[in-house]
Amino acid sequence: MIDLYFMSPPSRGWALRGRANFRSRDAEQVDAAAARREWLALAEAIEARGGTVVGLYPPSDELSGMPYAAECGHLTTASGRPVFLLPNMAAPHRRSERAHWEGLASAMGLSPTDIGAGTWEAQGDVAMFDGATLLFFGGRTDRAGMESAARFFEGEVLRIEIREPAFHGNMALLPLAEVDRVLACREVIEPSSYEALVARFGAARLIEVSEDEIRRYATNGLPIGRDLLAPSLIPERVAELVTAAGMRVVPLRLRELCEKAGGASRCLVSWARIERSTLHVPDENRLENLRARIEAEDRG
């Protein structure tokens, strides 16, 4: 088995264009070169912990949302074969990303699949914990999109309704599987959905964070084993709670990608655990080759 992380580096001309979230809406313009360095630092931290990064290349100046690969799709093998579920994005400026990810999935030997009706923003609205799949709606993903996607998930599925400012499920909840805990923001989860979480997992396994704390990306770190690769603006109280639960918080400076553009480390990847033999990773999409190309371009 390998832990696969789909990612997409910012382009040399990357800029804030859609400004579709509460942080990017009024932010100063980003420094694209600095954002590329931040992206590489995250990708290298993932591979240093045993992950395999697959990067979409070349990046697009126009598709400014593409680095936030949590919305690129979701890889599932529930049907016995690797199926790459394609997103139906809410924001018009992100809808063209889908064709690029579909091409990469095909090149890897996966099966790109259209979920059908509704708006569904892929792994941004999917979480796994204790054998259950959590599918979120009420932010950018609507109920129809969530139900269309639900057909492709086998086993236990919990439907969780959220509200703004949690525009994705990964802003409302973060499983920390290695320590059997979940960070969850009760304030942005609809009451009956929160009750369902308590009933299924038990209140003692839920570590509550506040709406103010999720605005500082309390639930948007990337857990790999017992390390949480977290944006450096993670609230101190949340970092202490995570540490007390048995995780190690590894802060990453993401001034451009997170503090300005509004997406943290969890937002920058789409993760899957899959049998190595079921897919092919093209050499040009491997991190060592992406790093060389990015560094050569930036020197030029």
C-alpha atoms as a PDB file:
ATOM      1  CA  MET A   1       0.000   0.000   0.000  1.00  0.00           C
ATOM      2  CA  ILE A   2       1.094   3.575  -0.602  1.00  0.00           C
ATOM      3  CA  ASP A   3      -0.204   6.875   0.733  1.00  0.00           C
ATOM      4  CA  LEU A   4      -0.805   8.963  -2.353  1.00  0.00           C
ATOM      5  CA  TYR A   5      -1.132  12.755  -2.229  1.00  0.00           C
ATOM      6  CA  PHE A   6      -2.458  14.556  -5.311  1.00  0.00           C
ATOM      7  CA  MET A   7      -1.095  18.115  -5.415  1.00  0.00           C
ATOM      8  CA  SER A   8      -0.734  20.976  -7.897  1.00  0.00           C
ATOM      9  CA  PRO A   9       1.926  23.697  -7.569  1.00  0.00           C
ATOM     10  CA  PRO A  10       1.082  27.359  -8.041  1.00  0.00           C
ATOM     11  CA  SER A  11       2.143  28.763 -11.393  1.00  0.00           C
ATOM     12  CA  ARG A  12       4.754  31.494 -11.849  1.00  0.00           C
ATOM     13  CA  GLY A  13       1.887  33.895 -12.544  1.00  0.00           C
ATOM     14  CA  TRP A  14      -0.323  32.657  -9.713  1.00  0.00           C
ATOM     15  CA  ALA A  15      -2.531  35.409  -8.271  1.00  0.00           C
ATOM     16  CA  LEU A  16      -5.719  35.894  -6.297  1.00  0.00           C
ATOM     17  CA  ARG A  17      -8.520  35.964  -8.846  1.00  0.00           C
ATOM     18  CA  GLY A  18     -11.716  34.377  -7.534  1.00  0.00           C
ATOM     19  CA  ARG A  19     -11.307  35.669  -3.937  1.00  0.00           C
ATOM     20  CA  ALA A  20     -14.045  33.256  -2.914  1.00  0.00           C
ATOM     21  CA  ASN A  21     -13.340  32.795   0.801  1.00  0.00           C
ATOM     22  CA  PHE A  22     -13.332  34.969   3.904  1.00  0.00           C
ATOM     23  CA  ARG A  23      -9.527  35.285   4.017  1.00  0.00           C
ATOM     24  CA  SER A  24      -8.745  35.933   0.347  1.00  0.00           C
ATOM     25  CA  ARG A  25     -11.647  38.349  -0.115  1.00  0.00           C
ATOM     26  CA  ASP A  26      -9.746  41.394   1.174  1.00  0.00           C
ATOM     27  CA  ALA A  27      -6.150  40.094   1.167  1.00  0.00           C
ATOM     28  CA  GLU A  28      -3.222  41.831  -0.467  1.00  0.00           C
ATOM     29  CA  GLN A  29      -1.977  40.181  -3.653  1.00  0.00           C
ATOM     30  CA  VAL A  30       0.138  37.049  -3.273  1.00  0.00           C
ATOM     31  CA  ASP A  31       3.833  36.552  -4.041  1.00  0.00           C
ATOM     32  CA  ALA A  32       3.796  33.643  -6.505  1.00  0.00           C
ATOM     33  CA  ALA A  33       7.458  32.726  -6.064  1.00  0.00           C
ATOM     34  CA  ALA A  34       7.054  32.557  -2.291  1.00  0.00           C
ATOM     35  CA  ALA A  35       3.895  30.461  -2.715  1.00  0.00           C
ATOM     36  CA  ARG A  36       5.817  27.975  -4.853  1.00  0.00           C
ATOM     37  CA  ARG A  37       8.449  27.648  -2.130  1.00  0.00           C
ATOM     38  CA  GLU A  38       5.707  27.065   0.453  1.00  0.00           C
ATOM     39  CA  TRP A  39       4.158  24.399  -1.762  1.00  0.00           C
ATOM     40  CA  LEU A  40       7.491  22.600  -2.190  1.00  0.00           C
ATOM     41  CA  ALA A  41       8.130  22.691   1.564  1.00  0.00           C
ATOM     42  CA  LEU A  42       4.778  20.996   2.207  1.00  0.00           C
ATOM     43  CA  ALA A  43       5.318  18.404  -0.539  1.00  0.00           C
ATOM     44  CA  GLU A  44       8.793  17.609   0.798  1.00  0.00           C
ATOM     45  CA  ALA A  45       7.435  17.291   4.349  1.00  0.00           C
ATOM     46  CA  ILE A  46       4.860  14.776   3.083  1.00  0.00           C
ATOM     47  CA  GLU A  47       7.441  12.636   1.297  1.00  0.00           C
ATOM     48  CA  ALA A  48       9.808  12.835   4.288  1.00  0.00           C
ATOM     49  CA  ARG A  49       7.051  11.054   6.236  1.00  0.00           C
ATOM     50  CA  GLY A  50       6.590   8.287   3.681  1.00  0.00           C
ATOM     51  CA  GLY A  51       3.940   9.788   1.408  1.00  0.00           C
ATOM     52  CA  THR A  52       4.065   9.800  -2.385  1.00  0.00           C
ATOM     53  CA  VAL A  53       3.274  13.149  -4.008  1.00  0.00           C
ATOM     54  CA  VAL A  54       1.772  13.175  -7.495  1.00  0.00           C
ATOM     55  CA  GLY A  55       1.813  16.691  -8.884  1.00  0.00           C
ATOM     56  CA  LEU A  56      -0.304  18.055 -11.715  1.00  0.00           C
ATOM     57  CA  TYR A  57       1.959  19.889 -14.171  1.00  0.00           C
ATOM     58  CA  PRO A  58       2.171  22.344 -15.839  1.00  0.00           C
ATOM     59  CA  PRO A  59       0.169  24.700 -13.610  1.00  0.00           C
ATOM     60  CA  SER A  60      -2.164  27.319 -15.018  1.00  0.00           C
ATOM     61  CA  ASP A  61      -2.020  31.075 -14.399  1.00  0.00           C
ATOM     62  CA  GLU A  62      -5.753  31.327 -14.995  1.00  0.00           C
ATOM     63  CA  LEU A  63      -6.892  28.418 -12.799  1.00  0.00           C
ATOM     64  CA  SER A  64      -5.798  30.025  -9.561  1.00  0.00           C
ATOM     65  CA  GLY A  65      -7.731  27.566  -7.364  1.00  0.00           C
ATOM     66  CA  MET A  66      -5.958  24.488  -8.690  1.00  0.00           C
ATOM     67  CA  PRO A  67      -3.302  24.328  -5.921  1.00  0.00           C
ATOM     68  CA  TYR A  68      -6.137  23.528  -3.490  1.00  0.00           C
ATOM     69  CA  ALA A  69      -6.203  19.901  -4.550  1.00  0.00           C
ATOM     70  CA  ALA A  70      -8.595  18.692  -1.851  1.00  0.00           C
ATOM     71  CA  GLU A  71     -11.255  19.621  -4.409  1.00  0.00           C
ATOM     72  CA  CYS A  72      -9.544  17.857  -7.339  1.00  0.00           C
ATOM     73  CA  GLY A  73     -11.511  14.649  -6.830  1.00  0.00           C
ATOM     74  CA  HIS A  74     -11.592  11.617  -4.565  1.00  0.00           C
ATOM     75  CA  LEU A  75      -9.963   8.256  -5.225  1.00  0.00           C
ATOM     76  CA  THR A  76     -11.951   5.261  -4.010  1.00  0.00           C
ATOM     77  CA  THR A  77     -11.469   1.519  -4.416  1.00  0.00           C
ATOM     78  CA  ALA A  78     -14.730   0.530  -2.746  1.00  0.00           C
ATOM     79  CA  SER A  79     -15.976  -1.102  -5.964  1.00  0.00           C
ATOM     80  CA  GLY A  80     -12.840  -3.254  -6.219  1.00  0.00           C
ATOM     81  CA  ARG A  81     -11.181  -1.022  -8.814  1.00  0.00           C
ATOM     82  CA  PRO A  82      -9.583   2.422  -8.504  1.00  0.00           C
ATOM     83  CA  VAL A  83     -12.211   5.033  -9.376  1.00  0.00           C
ATOM     84  CA  PHE A  84     -11.394   8.733  -9.399  1.00  0.00           C
ATOM     85  CA  LEU A  85     -14.584  10.652  -8.616  1.00  0.00           C
ATOM     86  CA  LEU A  86     -14.572  14.003 -10.388  1.00  0.00           C
ATOM     87  CA  PRO A  87     -15.867  17.182  -8.702  1.00  0.00           C
ATOM     88  CA  ASN A  88     -18.724  19.460  -9.708  1.00  0.00           C
ATOM     89  CA  MET A  89     -17.361  22.764  -8.444  1.00  0.00           C
ATOM     90  CA  ALA A  90     -19.455  25.629  -7.097  1.00  0.00           C
ATOM     91  CA  ALA A  91     -17.200  28.549  -8.093  1.00  0.00           C
ATOM     92  CA  PRO A  92     -17.253  29.287 -11.843  1.00  0.00           C
ATOM     93  CA  HIS A  93     -13.528  30.124 -11.879  1.00  0.00           C
ATOM     94  CA  ARG A  94     -12.699  26.575 -10.681  1.00  0.00           C
ATOM     95  CA  ARG A  95     -14.879  24.444 -12.944  1.00  0.00           C
ATOM     96  CA  SER A  96     -12.266  24.054 -15.692  1.00  0.00           C
ATOM     97  CA  GLU A  97      -9.838  22.394 -13.251  1.00  0.00           C
ATOM     98  CA  ARG A  98     -11.760  19.143 -13.572  1.00  0.00           C
ATOM     99  CA  ALA A  99     -10.530  18.385 -17.110  1.00  0.00           C
ATOM    100  CA  HIS A 100      -6.888  18.663 -16.018  1.00  0.00           C
ATOM    101  CA  TRP A 101      -7.340  16.239 -13.120  1.00  0.00           C
ATOM    102  CA  GLU A 102      -9.316  13.875 -15.341  1.00  0.00           C
ATOM    103  CA  GLY A 103      -6.337  13.738 -17.713  1.00  0.00           C
ATOM    104  CA  LEU A 104      -3.893  12.951 -14.919  1.00  0.00           C
ATOM    105  CA  ALA A 105      -6.175  10.263 -13.466  1.00  0.00           C
ATOM    106  CA  SER A 106      -6.429   8.600 -16.883  1.00  0.00           C
ATOM    107  CA  ALA A 107      -2.641   8.710 -17.327  1.00  0.00           C
ATOM    108  CA  MET A 108      -2.295   6.952 -13.974  1.00  0.00           C
ATOM    109  CA  GLY A 109      -4.599   4.104 -14.982  1.00  0.00           C
ATOM    110  CA  LEU A 110      -7.474   5.241 -12.783  1.00  0.00           C
ATOM    111  CA  SER A 111     -11.109   5.479 -13.892  1.00  0.00           C
ATOM    112  CA  PRO A 112     -12.314   9.110 -13.920  1.00  0.00           C
ATOM    113  CA  THR A 113     -16.003   9.085 -13.039  1.00  0.00           C
ATOM    114  CA  ASP A 114     -18.712  11.745 -13.128  1.00  0.00           C
ATOM    115  CA  ILE A 115     -20.885  11.560 -10.009  1.00  0.00           C
ATOM    116  CA  GLY A 116     -23.910  13.073 -11.789  1.00  0.00           C
ATOM    117  CA  ALA A 117     -26.180  15.823 -10.460  1.00  0.00           C
ATOM    118  CA  GLY A 118     -25.512  18.510  -7.911  1.00  0.00           C
ATOM    119  CA  THR A 119     -22.519  20.460  -6.644  1.00  0.00           C
ATOM    120  CA  TRP A 120     -19.824  18.347  -4.985  1.00  0.00           C
ATOM    121  CA  GLU A 121     -16.376  19.581  -4.023  1.00  0.00           C
ATOM    122  CA  ALA A 122     -14.773  16.184  -3.590  1.00  0.00           C
ATOM    123  CA  GLN A 123     -12.369  15.477  -0.741  1.00  0.00           C
ATOM    124  CA  GLY A 124     -12.908  18.910   0.726  1.00  0.00           C
ATOM    125  CA  ASP A 125     -16.219  17.378   1.834  1.00  0.00           C
ATOM    126  CA  VAL A 126     -15.127  13.816   2.653  1.00  0.00           C
ATOM    127  CA  ALA A 127     -13.570  12.466   5.849  1.00  0.00           C
ATOM    128  CA  MET A 128     -12.861   8.957   7.145  1.00  0.00           C
ATOM    129  CA  PHE A 129     -12.835   7.897  10.784  1.00  0.00           C
ATOM    130  CA  ASP A 130     -13.234   4.596  12.635  1.00  0.00           C
ATOM    131  CA  GLY A 131     -14.480   2.751   9.558  1.00  0.00           C
ATOM    132  CA  ALA A 132     -17.104   5.355   8.683  1.00  0.00           C
ATOM    133  CA  THR A 133     -17.201   7.796   5.768  1.00  0.00           C
ATOM    134  CA  LEU A 134     -18.398  11.321   6.560  1.00  0.00           C
ATOM    135  CA  LEU A 135     -19.919  13.231   3.645  1.00  0.00           C
ATOM    136  CA  PHE A 136     -20.509  16.944   4.201  1.00  0.00           C
ATOM    137  CA  PHE A 137     -22.971  19.342   2.603  1.00  0.00           C
ATOM    138  CA  GLY A 138     -24.349  22.803   3.291  1.00  0.00           C
ATOM    139  CA  GLY A 139     -21.202  24.765   2.432  1.00  0.00           C
ATOM    140  CA  ARG A 140     -20.184  24.700  -1.216  1.00  0.00           C
ATOM    141  CA  THR A 141     -21.321  21.124  -1.699  1.00  0.00           C
ATOM    142  CA  ASP A 142     -25.117  20.945  -1.826  1.00  0.00           C
ATOM    143  CA  ARG A 143     -27.348  18.098  -0.670  1.00  0.00           C
ATOM    144  CA  ALA A 144     -27.953  16.859  -4.231  1.00  0.00           C
ATOM    145  CA  GLY A 145     -24.220  16.653  -4.946  1.00  0.00           C
ATOM    146  CA  MET A 146     -23.531  14.886  -1.670  1.00  0.00           C
ATOM    147  CA  GLU A 147     -26.214  12.297  -2.404  1.00  0.00           C
ATOM    148  CA  SER A 148     -24.883  11.795  -5.935  1.00  0.00           C
ATOM    149  CA  ALA A 149     -21.430  11.110  -4.514  1.00  0.00           C
ATOM    150  CA  ALA A 150     -22.772   8.892  -1.724  1.00  0.00           C
ATOM    151  CA  ARG A 151     -23.696   6.217  -4.279  1.00  0.00           C
ATOM    152  CA  PHE A 152     -19.984   5.516  -4.790  1.00  0.00           C
ATOM    153  CA  PHE A 153     -19.137   4.921  -1.115  1.00  0.00           C
ATOM    154  CA  GLU A 154     -19.699   1.492   0.391  1.00  0.00           C
ATOM    155  CA  GLY A 155     -20.172   0.684   4.051  1.00  0.00           C
ATOM    156  CA  GLU A 156     -21.208   3.134   6.761  1.00  0.00           C
ATOM    157  CA  VAL A 157     -21.850   6.702   5.571  1.00  0.00           C
ATOM    158  CA  LEU A 158     -22.726   9.639   7.835  1.00  0.00           C
ATOM    159  CA  ARG A 159     -24.249  12.722   6.214  1.00  0.00           C
ATOM    160  CA  ILE A 160     -23.097  15.857   8.028  1.00  0.00           C
ATOM    161  CA  GLU A 161     -24.616  19.289   7.419  1.00  0.00           C
ATOM    162  CA  ILE A 162     -22.398  22.355   7.930  1.00  0.00           C
ATOM    163  CA  ARG A 163     -22.703  26.108   7.546  1.00  0.00           C
ATOM    164  CA  GLU A 164     -20.454  29.082   6.746  1.00  0.00           C
ATOM    165  CA  PRO A 165     -17.734  30.027   7.565  1.00  0.00           C
ATOM    166  CA  ALA A 166     -17.012  26.313   7.107  1.00  0.00           C
ATOM    167  CA  PHE A 167     -17.333  26.262   3.340  1.00  0.00           C
ATOM    168  CA  HIS A 168     -15.986  22.682   3.301  1.00  0.00           C
ATOM    169  CA  GLY A 169     -16.275  19.815   5.736  1.00  0.00           C
ATOM    170  CA  ASN A 170     -12.540  19.953   6.340  1.00  0.00           C
ATOM    171  CA  MET A 171     -13.085  23.337   7.974  1.00  0.00           C
ATOM    172  CA  ALA A 172     -15.602  21.854  10.407  1.00  0.00           C
ATOM    173  CA  LEU A 173     -13.949  18.580  11.337  1.00  0.00           C
ATOM    174  CA  LEU A 174     -10.549  16.853  11.200  1.00  0.00           C
ATOM    175  CA  PRO A 175      -9.979  13.187  12.117  1.00  0.00           C
ATOM    176  CA  LEU A 176      -6.739  12.449  13.998  1.00  0.00           C
ATOM    177  CA  ALA A 177      -6.877   8.725  13.393  1.00  0.00           C
ATOM    178  CA  GLU A 178      -3.540   7.843  14.991  1.00  0.00           C
ATOM    179  CA  VAL A 179      -4.723   9.086  18.388  1.00  0.00           C
ATOM    180  CA  ASP A 180      -8.408   8.126  17.953  1.00  0.00           C
ATOM    181  CA  ARG A 181      -9.676  11.687  18.232  1.00  0.00           C
ATOM    182  CA  VAL A 182     -11.549  14.162  16.033  1.00  0.00           C
ATOM    183  CA  LEU A 183     -11.263  17.951  16.041  1.00  0.00           C
ATOM    184  CA  ALA A 184     -14.799  19.263  15.546  1.00  0.00           C
ATOM    185  CA  CYS A 185     -16.461  22.668  15.555  1.00  0.00           C
ATOM    186  CA  ARG A 186     -19.951  22.270  17.014  1.00  0.00           C
ATOM    187  CA  GLU A 187     -20.813  25.896  16.111  1.00  0.00           C
ATOM    188  CA  VAL A 188     -20.728  25.233  12.344  1.00  0.00           C
ATOM    189  CA  ILE A 189     -22.223  21.725  12.356  1.00  0.00           C
ATOM    190  CA  GLU A 190     -26.022  21.483  12.249  1.00  0.00           C
ATOM    191  CA  PRO A 191     -27.265  20.234  15.663  1.00  0.00           C
ATOM    192  CA  SER A 192     -28.730  16.925  14.503  1.00  0.00           C
ATOM    193  CA  SER A 193     -25.526  16.200  12.580  1.00  0.00           C
ATOM    194  CA  TYR A 194     -23.412  16.932  15.643  1.00  0.00           C
ATOM    195  CA  GLU A 195     -25.646  14.650  17.689  1.00  0.00           C
ATOM    196  CA  ALA A 196     -25.044  11.934  15.084  1.00  0.00           C
ATOM    197  CA  LEU A 197     -21.281  12.366  15.524  1.00  0.00           C
ATOM    198  CA  VAL A 198     -21.590  12.049  19.295  1.00  0.00           C
ATOM    199  CA  ALA A 199     -23.828   9.005  18.980  1.00  0.00           C
ATOM    200  CA  ARG A 200     -21.449   7.257  16.574  1.00  0.00           C
ATOM    201  CA  PHE A 201     -18.048   8.177  18.008  1.00  0.00           C
ATOM    202  CA  GLY A 202     -18.734   9.238  21.594  1.00  0.00           C
ATOM    203  CA  ALA A 203     -18.304  12.715  23.062  1.00  0.00           C
ATOM    204  CA  ALA A 204     -14.949  11.818  24.631  1.00  0.00           C
ATOM    205  CA  ARG A 205     -13.379  11.315  21.192  1.00  0.00           C
ATOM    206  CA  LEU A 206     -14.485  14.750  19.927  1.00  0.00           C
ATOM    207  CA  ILE A 207     -12.154  17.654  20.705  1.00  0.00           C
ATOM    208  CA  GLU A 208     -14.216  20.816  20.345  1.00  0.00           C
ATOM    209  CA  VAL A 209     -12.835  23.918  18.675  1.00  0.00           C
ATOM    210  CA  SER A 210     -14.597  27.235  18.174  1.00  0.00           C
ATOM    211  CA  GLU A 211     -15.796  29.109  15.118  1.00  0.00           C
ATOM    212  CA  ASP A 212     -13.147  31.746  15.774  1.00  0.00           C
ATOM    213  CA  GLU A 213     -10.499  29.019  15.849  1.00  0.00           C
ATOM    214  CA  ILE A 214     -11.551  27.473  12.545  1.00  0.00           C
ATOM    215  CA  ARG A 215     -11.147  30.918  10.982  1.00  0.00           C
ATOM    216  CA  ARG A 216      -7.493  30.399  11.907  1.00  0.00           C
ATOM    217  CA  TYR A 217      -7.561  26.940  10.320  1.00  0.00           C
ATOM    218  CA  ALA A 218      -7.762  24.861  13.492  1.00  0.00           C
ATOM    219  CA  THR A 219      -9.092  21.876  11.517  1.00  0.00           C
ATOM    220  CA  ASN A 220      -7.021  22.317   8.355  1.00  0.00           C
ATOM    221  CA  GLY A 221      -3.736  20.752   9.350  1.00  0.00           C
ATOM    222  CA  LEU A 222      -2.618  17.620   7.520  1.00  0.00           C
ATOM    223  CA  PRO A 223      -2.177  14.593   9.813  1.00  0.00           C
ATOM    224  CA  ILE A 224       0.459  12.068   8.736  1.00  0.00           C
ATOM    225  CA  GLY A 225       0.965   9.439  11.384  1.00  0.00           C
ATOM    226  CA  ARG A 226       1.373  11.295  14.658  1.00  0.00           C
ATOM    227  CA  ASP A 227       2.568  14.501  12.977  1.00  0.00           C
ATOM    228  CA  LEU A 228       0.131  17.303  12.193  1.00  0.00           C
ATOM    229  CA  LEU A 229       1.524  19.499   9.414  1.00  0.00           C
ATOM    230  CA  ALA A 230      -0.281  22.658  10.443  1.00  0.00           C
ATOM    231  CA  PRO A 231      -0.303  26.263   9.233  1.00  0.00           C
ATOM    232  CA  SER A 232       1.741  28.426  11.572  1.00  0.00           C
ATOM    233  CA  LEU A 233      -1.337  30.509  12.451  1.00  0.00           C
ATOM    234  CA  ILE A 234      -3.013  27.521  14.177  1.00  0.00           C
ATOM    235  CA  PRO A 235      -4.377  28.825  17.526  1.00  0.00           C
ATOM    236  CA  GLU A 236      -2.133  28.067  20.486  1.00  0.00           C
ATOM    237  CA  ARG A 237      -5.002  26.491  22.427  1.00  0.00           C
ATOM    238  CA  VAL A 238      -5.720  24.076  19.579  1.00  0.00           C
ATOM    239  CA  ALA A 239      -2.043  23.190  19.222  1.00  0.00           C
ATOM    240  CA  GLU A 240      -1.967  22.387  22.944  1.00  0.00           C
ATOM    241  CA  LEU A 241      -5.085  20.198  22.668  1.00  0.00           C
ATOM    242  CA  VAL A 242      -3.626  18.300  19.742  1.00  0.00           C
ATOM    243  CA  THR A 243      -0.330  17.820  21.579  1.00  0.00           C
ATOM    244  CA  ALA A 244      -2.147  16.608  24.687  1.00  0.00           C
ATOM    245  CA  ALA A 245      -3.965  14.040  22.532  1.00  0.00           C
ATOM    246  CA  GLY A 246      -0.605  12.568  21.500  1.00  0.00           C
ATOM    247  CA  MET A 247       0.142  14.322  18.212  1.00  0.00           C
ATOM    248  CA  ARG A 248       3.175  16.432  17.355  1.00  0.00           C
ATOM    249  CA  VAL A 249       2.311  19.799  15.793  1.00  0.00           C
ATOM    250  CA  VAL A 250       4.698  20.692  12.955  1.00  0.00           C
ATOM    251  CA  PRO A 251       4.098  24.344  12.014  1.00  0.00           C
ATOM    252  CA  LEU A 252       4.524  25.362   8.370  1.00  0.00           C
ATOM    253  CA  ARG A 253       4.783  28.965   7.234  1.00  0.00           C
ATOM    254  CA  LEU A 254       2.043  29.355   4.608  1.00  0.00           C
ATOM    255  CA  ARG A 255       1.778  33.127   4.370  1.00  0.00           C
ATOM    256  CA  GLU A 256       0.810  33.169   0.686  1.00  0.00           C
ATOM    257  CA  LEU A 257      -1.172  29.949   0.312  1.00  0.00           C
ATOM    258  CA  CYS A 258      -3.055  30.151   3.595  1.00  0.00           C
ATOM    259  CA  GLU A 259      -2.853  33.516   5.333  1.00  0.00           C
ATOM    260  CA  LYS A 260      -3.648  35.404   2.117  1.00  0.00           C
ATOM    261  CA  ALA A 261      -5.308  32.899  -0.240  1.00  0.00           C
ATOM    262  CA  GLY A 262      -7.229  31.009   2.425  1.00  0.00           C
ATOM    263  CA  GLY A 263      -6.266  27.350   2.110  1.00  0.00           C
ATOM    264  CA  ALA A 264      -4.116  25.441   4.597  1.00  0.00           C
ATOM    265  CA  SER A 265      -2.100  22.224   4.348  1.00  0.00           C
ATOM    266  CA  ARG A 266      -5.124  19.889   4.353  1.00  0.00           C
ATOM    267  CA  CYS A 267      -6.685  21.946   1.552  1.00  0.00           C
ATOM    268  CA  LEU A 268      -3.601  21.483  -0.635  1.00  0.00           C
ATOM    269  CA  VAL A 269      -3.840  17.701  -0.990  1.00  0.00           C
ATOM    270  CA  SER A 270      -6.202  14.915  -1.955  1.00  0.00           C
ATOM    271  CA  TRP A 271      -5.118  11.771  -0.116  1.00  0.00           C
ATOM    272  CA  ALA A 272      -5.677   8.102  -0.867  1.00  0.00           C
ATOM    273  CA  ARG A 273      -4.270   4.795   0.379  1.00  0.00           C
ATOM    274  CA  ILE A 274      -4.023   2.376  -2.514  1.00  0.00           C
ATOM    275  CA  GLU A 275      -2.220  -0.751  -3.671  1.00  0.00           C
ATOM    276  CA  ARG A 276       0.937   0.302  -5.487  1.00  0.00           C
ATOM    277  CA  SER A 277       0.322  -2.223  -8.260  1.00  0.00           C
ATOM    278  CA  THR A 278      -3.050  -0.714  -9.231  1.00  0.00           C
ATOM    279  CA  LEU A 279      -1.707   2.530 -10.643  1.00  0.00           C
ATOM    280  CA  HIS A 280       1.120   4.116 -12.598  1.00  0.00           C
ATOM    281  CA  VAL A 281       2.714   7.421 -11.585  1.00  0.00           C
ATOM    282  CA  PRO A 282       4.209   9.146 -14.640  1.00  0.00           C
ATOM    283  CA  ASP A 283       7.786  10.282 -14.053  1.00  0.00           C
ATOM    284  CA  GLU A 284       6.950  13.892 -14.929  1.00  0.00           C
ATOM    285  CA  ASN A 285       4.438  13.995 -12.064  1.00  0.00           C
ATOM    286  CA  ARG A 286       6.829  12.742  -9.369  1.00  0.00           C
ATOM    287  CA  LEU A 287       8.056  15.240  -6.815  1.00  0.00           C
ATOM    288  CA  GLU A 288      11.758  14.994  -7.624  1.00  0.00           C
ATOM    289  CA  ASN A 289      11.070  15.998 -11.227  1.00  0.00           C
ATOM    290  CA  LEU A 290       8.542  18.668 -10.276  1.00  0.00           C
ATOM    291  CA  ARG A 291      11.042  20.186  -7.843  1.00  0.00           C
ATOM    292  CA  ALA A 292      13.728  20.346 -10.536  1.00  0.00           C
ATOM    293  CA  ARG A 293      11.353  22.009 -13.001  1.00  0.00           C
ATOM    294  CA  ILE A 294      10.044  24.528 -10.491  1.00  0.00           C
ATOM    295  CA  GLU A 295      13.525  25.490  -9.333  1.00  0.00           C
ATOM    296  CA  ALA A 296      14.793  25.796 -12.921  1.00  0.00           C
ATOM    297  CA  GLU A 297      11.833  27.986 -13.881  1.00  0.00           C
ATOM    298  CA  ASP A 298      12.247  30.226 -10.869  1.00  0.00           C
ATOM    299  CA  ARG A 299      15.970  30.661 -11.539  1.00  0.00           C
ATOM    300  CA  GLY A 300      15.092  31.693 -15.091  1.00  0.00           C
END
